[in-house]
Amino acid sequence: MSEKKYTWHKIADHINELDFAGNNIAVAEIKGKKISIGKYKEEVFAFAYKCPHAGGILADGYIDALGNIVCPLHRYKYDMKNGRNTSGEGYYMKHWPVEIREEGVFVAMETGGLFGWFS
């Protein structure tokens, strides 16, 4: 089995450039596709723009006290660290590694992955 390969994409020069509004969730774009960026305590997470259940815009939701992203449509909850559905419905939310470096904020996408549109 081949090892996954990732490409790092810069989404901002500094974390303060991202508009986290009042709910600690921002929207960024990588190659024309929107993703969500969540901030919880001292950590930053990158995850799907739309809920895998019914397509709710996750940036319009909120982050609960446990650090889960909560979809605004049906209140399904997902762990921002691993994409696991924590409210029991069995869905999985796509998520990606984030690094904050001196030169900016970067998100890693799998090269040539299943969705191809990030390659």
C-alpha atoms as a PDB file:
ATOM      1  CA  MET A   1       0.000   0.000   0.000  1.00  0.00           C
ATOM      2  CA  SER A   2       1.444   3.367  -0.947  1.00  0.00           C
ATOM      3  CA  GLU A   3       1.986   6.105   1.582  1.00  0.00           C
ATOM      4  CA  LYS A   4      -0.337   9.110   1.293  1.00  0.00           C
ATOM      5  CA  LYS A   5       1.245  12.244  -0.092  1.00  0.00           C
ATOM      6  CA  TYR A   6       0.181  15.703   1.008  1.00  0.00           C
ATOM      7  CA  THR A   7       0.536  19.175  -0.414  1.00  0.00           C
ATOM      8  CA  TRP A   8       0.494  22.135   1.968  1.00  0.00           C
ATOM      9  CA  HIS A   9      -1.595  25.119   0.872  1.00  0.00           C
ATOM     10  CA  LYS A  10      -1.216  28.569   2.390  1.00  0.00           C
ATOM     11  CA  ILE A  11      -4.592  30.030   3.364  1.00  0.00           C
ATOM     12  CA  ALA A  12      -3.412  33.205   5.163  1.00  0.00           C
ATOM     13  CA  ASP A  13      -0.262  35.116   6.018  1.00  0.00           C
ATOM     14  CA  HIS A  14      -1.354  35.189   9.678  1.00  0.00           C
ATOM     15  CA  ILE A  15      -4.142  33.591  11.739  1.00  0.00           C
ATOM     16  CA  ASN A  16      -5.576  37.078  12.422  1.00  0.00           C
ATOM     17  CA  GLU A  17      -6.350  37.468   8.693  1.00  0.00           C
ATOM     18  CA  LEU A  18      -9.042  34.788   8.921  1.00  0.00           C
ATOM     19  CA  ASP A  19     -12.515  36.107   9.777  1.00  0.00           C
ATOM     20  CA  PHE A  20     -13.631  33.961  12.702  1.00  0.00           C
ATOM     21  CA  ALA A  21     -16.716  36.144  13.262  1.00  0.00           C
ATOM     22  CA  GLY A  22     -18.421  35.532  16.583  1.00  0.00           C
ATOM     23  CA  ASN A  23     -18.522  31.742  16.386  1.00  0.00           C
ATOM     24  CA  ASN A  24     -14.771  30.946  15.987  1.00  0.00           C
ATOM     25  CA  ILE A  25     -15.376  29.513  12.503  1.00  0.00           C
ATOM     26  CA  ALA A  26     -13.892  31.037   9.340  1.00  0.00           C
ATOM     27  CA  VAL A  27     -14.096  30.103   5.666  1.00  0.00           C
ATOM     28  CA  ALA A  28     -11.007  29.720   3.484  1.00  0.00           C
ATOM     29  CA  GLU A  29     -10.503  28.709  -0.135  1.00  0.00           C
ATOM     30  CA  ILE A  30      -8.038  26.257  -1.619  1.00  0.00           C
ATOM     31  CA  LYS A  31      -7.952  26.056  -5.411  1.00  0.00           C
ATOM     32  CA  GLY A  32     -11.435  27.558  -5.610  1.00  0.00           C
ATOM     33  CA  LYS A  33     -13.022  25.172  -3.102  1.00  0.00           C
ATOM     34  CA  LYS A  34     -14.317  26.392   0.261  1.00  0.00           C
ATOM     35  CA  ILE A  35     -13.293  24.786   3.548  1.00  0.00           C
ATOM     36  CA  SER A  36     -14.061  25.676   7.158  1.00  0.00           C
ATOM     37  CA  ILE A  37     -11.455  26.687   9.724  1.00  0.00           C
ATOM     38  CA  GLY A  38     -12.397  26.298  13.369  1.00  0.00           C
ATOM     39  CA  LYS A  39     -10.627  27.715  16.409  1.00  0.00           C
ATOM     40  CA  TYR A  40     -11.117  26.038  19.782  1.00  0.00           C
ATOM     41  CA  LYS A  41      -9.006  27.014  22.778  1.00  0.00           C
ATOM     42  CA  GLU A  42      -5.453  27.248  21.387  1.00  0.00           C
ATOM     43  CA  GLU A  43      -5.985  24.869  18.434  1.00  0.00           C
ATOM     44  CA  VAL A  44      -6.980  25.468  14.813  1.00  0.00           C
ATOM     45  CA  PHE A  45      -8.751  22.873  12.648  1.00  0.00           C
ATOM     46  CA  ALA A  46      -9.621  22.569   8.955  1.00  0.00           C
ATOM     47  CA  PHE A  47     -12.752  20.671   7.964  1.00  0.00           C
ATOM     48  CA  ALA A  48     -15.504  20.405   5.363  1.00  0.00           C
ATOM     49  CA  TYR A  49     -17.464  23.482   4.317  1.00  0.00           C
ATOM     50  CA  LYS A  50     -20.720  21.503   4.171  1.00  0.00           C
ATOM     51  CA  CYS A  51     -22.149  18.965   6.596  1.00  0.00           C
ATOM     52  CA  PRO A  52     -21.982  15.418   5.177  1.00  0.00           C
ATOM     53  CA  HIS A  53     -25.568  14.778   6.295  1.00  0.00           C
ATOM     54  CA  ALA A  54     -27.659  17.403   4.506  1.00  0.00           C
ATOM     55  CA  GLY A  55     -25.199  19.996   3.229  1.00  0.00           C
ATOM     56  CA  GLY A  56     -25.637  22.605   5.954  1.00  0.00           C
ATOM     57  CA  ILE A  57     -22.938  25.293   5.906  1.00  0.00           C
ATOM     58  CA  LEU A  58     -20.771  24.388   8.895  1.00  0.00           C
ATOM     59  CA  ALA A  59     -19.380  27.940   9.187  1.00  0.00           C
ATOM     60  CA  ASP A  60     -22.946  29.001  10.051  1.00  0.00           C
ATOM     61  CA  GLY A  61     -22.990  26.569  12.975  1.00  0.00           C
ATOM     62  CA  TYR A  62     -21.096  26.810  16.227  1.00  0.00           C
ATOM     63  CA  ILE A  63     -18.445  25.070  18.302  1.00  0.00           C
ATOM     64  CA  ASP A  64     -19.846  23.520  21.477  1.00  0.00           C
ATOM     65  CA  ALA A  65     -18.210  23.405  24.927  1.00  0.00           C
ATOM     66  CA  LEU A  66     -16.453  20.117  24.066  1.00  0.00           C
ATOM     67  CA  GLY A  67     -14.920  21.458  20.851  1.00  0.00           C
ATOM     68  CA  ASN A  68     -17.329  19.814  18.400  1.00  0.00           C
ATOM     69  CA  ILE A  69     -18.596  21.636  15.326  1.00  0.00           C
ATOM     70  CA  VAL A  70     -22.406  21.688  15.366  1.00  0.00           C
ATOM     71  CA  CYS A  71     -24.266  21.871  12.046  1.00  0.00           C
ATOM     72  CA  PRO A  72     -26.861  24.664  11.925  1.00  0.00           C
ATOM     73  CA  LEU A  73     -29.475  22.518  10.118  1.00  0.00           C
ATOM     74  CA  HIS A  74     -30.045  19.447  12.286  1.00  0.00           C
ATOM     75  CA  ARG A  75     -27.513  19.992  15.110  1.00  0.00           C
ATOM     76  CA  TYR A  76     -25.373  16.993  14.136  1.00  0.00           C
ATOM     77  CA  LYS A  77     -22.016  17.233  15.903  1.00  0.00           C
ATOM     78  CA  TYR A  78     -18.535  16.370  14.609  1.00  0.00           C
ATOM     79  CA  ASP A  79     -15.149  16.201  16.286  1.00  0.00           C
ATOM     80  CA  MET A  80     -12.971  18.773  14.489  1.00  0.00           C
ATOM     81  CA  LYS A  81      -9.820  16.712  15.239  1.00  0.00           C
ATOM     82  CA  ASN A  82     -10.868  13.479  13.520  1.00  0.00           C
ATOM     83  CA  GLY A  83     -14.146  14.162  11.677  1.00  0.00           C
ATOM     84  CA  ARG A  84     -16.054  11.606  13.748  1.00  0.00           C
ATOM     85  CA  ASN A  85     -19.779  12.192  14.211  1.00  0.00           C
ATOM     86  CA  THR A  86     -20.236  12.558  17.978  1.00  0.00           C
ATOM     87  CA  SER A  87     -24.029  12.843  18.110  1.00  0.00           C
ATOM     88  CA  GLY A  88     -24.552   9.236  16.961  1.00  0.00           C
ATOM     89  CA  GLU A  89     -25.820   9.469  13.378  1.00  0.00           C
ATOM     90  CA  GLY A  90     -22.802   7.688  11.853  1.00  0.00           C
ATOM     91  CA  TYR A  91     -21.583  10.345   9.421  1.00  0.00           C
ATOM     92  CA  TYR A  92     -17.958  11.339   8.866  1.00  0.00           C
ATOM     93  CA  MET A  93     -16.775  14.898   8.206  1.00  0.00           C
ATOM     94  CA  LYS A  94     -13.731  15.439   5.997  1.00  0.00           C
ATOM     95  CA  HIS A  95     -10.894  17.198   7.854  1.00  0.00           C
ATOM     96  CA  TRP A  96      -7.275  18.179   7.182  1.00  0.00           C
ATOM     97  CA  PRO A  97      -4.109  18.969   9.149  1.00  0.00           C
ATOM     98  CA  VAL A  98      -3.342  22.639   9.885  1.00  0.00           C
ATOM     99  CA  GLU A  99       0.023  24.202  10.653  1.00  0.00           C
ATOM    100  CA  ILE A 100       0.660  27.732  11.801  1.00  0.00           C
ATOM    101  CA  ARG A 101       4.157  28.702  10.710  1.00  0.00           C
ATOM    102  CA  GLU A 102       6.163  31.920  10.685  1.00  0.00           C
ATOM    103  CA  GLU A 103       5.289  32.416   7.034  1.00  0.00           C
ATOM    104  CA  GLY A 104       1.545  31.792   7.451  1.00  0.00           C
ATOM    105  CA  VAL A 105      -1.315  29.365   8.027  1.00  0.00           C
ATOM    106  CA  PHE A 106      -1.198  26.151   5.984  1.00  0.00           C
ATOM    107  CA  VAL A 107      -3.640  23.289   5.372  1.00  0.00           C
ATOM    108  CA  ALA A 108      -2.487  19.892   4.059  1.00  0.00           C
ATOM    109  CA  MET A 109      -4.533  18.201   1.349  1.00  0.00           C
ATOM    110  CA  GLU A 110      -3.951  14.723   0.044  1.00  0.00           C
ATOM    111  CA  THR A 111      -2.301  14.912  -3.381  1.00  0.00           C
ATOM    112  CA  GLY A 112      -4.376  13.222  -6.080  1.00  0.00           C
ATOM    113  CA  GLY A 113      -6.843  12.118  -3.456  1.00  0.00           C
ATOM    114  CA  LEU A 114     -10.311  10.727  -3.864  1.00  0.00           C
ATOM    115  CA  PHE A 115     -11.759  14.112  -4.746  1.00  0.00           C
ATOM    116  CA  GLY A 116      -9.008  15.001  -7.232  1.00  0.00           C
ATOM    117  CA  TRP A 117     -10.054  18.664  -7.170  1.00  0.00           C
ATOM    118  CA  PHE A 118      -7.330  19.447  -4.640  1.00  0.00           C
ATOM    119  CA  SER A 119      -4.529  17.920  -6.718  1.00  0.00           C
END
